[in-house]
């Protein structure tokens, strides 16, 4: 069985606790190096002026709501709770992956999500979002500020009217070279939760691929990007859920 090196967890600090604890319980050395902080968008005058508040007041006019991430789902539900004491009816709810779906399901929503590919392409393959079902319908995408446009672009091409509810801002955390020297000592395994996290860390550490033993990512698309960057080992977890991260790590360890 392979000896697992130190593991670097890069999730936002307020979301990393359970995973860090689970890794430590397995006897692993864990270092935390959060790459982003999540700042929710306030329900203030700016939100009213931008139309964000109105999108929630009118959410029952949407045929489908798609949550892009855990943060999108959690923040969207908070907004929904303010303006809808009872959950609106007649909406098809979608999540990009199982972690996001769980947040919506805990609120009592029935959620559709991909069986395997947990990204925009996976969501776009779902039956309810095909052209015959979605043409002429309104779709609301819950997401952070910015991000990929693939989902909206394809849905619009299928004839849907697509709006965004941008509910939080990802704020990059800039670490100094000395901080990375400490975090990457001993060529650890780097756990990343998204393509954006990969972009952030490689921008801060130019020779990252040579300073880690490998990298773990939760999607095939992000893993393909990492492979092109020359990482020695690229592990692909089934999703960003803690259990899938731990299972991927266990399987890698057992490869010897």
Foldseek 3Di string as FASTA:
>chain_A
DADAAAEEEADAPVPCVVLVVVCVVVVHHYHYHHFWDKFWDDPDPVCVVVCLLVCLLVVLQAQEEEEEDLVLLVQVVVSNVVNPVDDRPNHAYEYLDDNNVVSVVVVVDDYDYAPFARHLVRRCPDPCQALVNAAPGEYEYREAPDDDPVNVVVSVVSHYHYDYNHTIYIGTDADDPVVVCVVLPPQHEYEDEDLVRVVRVCVRPVPNLVSHQEYEYAGPVSQVVVVVVPRPDYFYFRHSDSVSVVVSVVVVRVVD
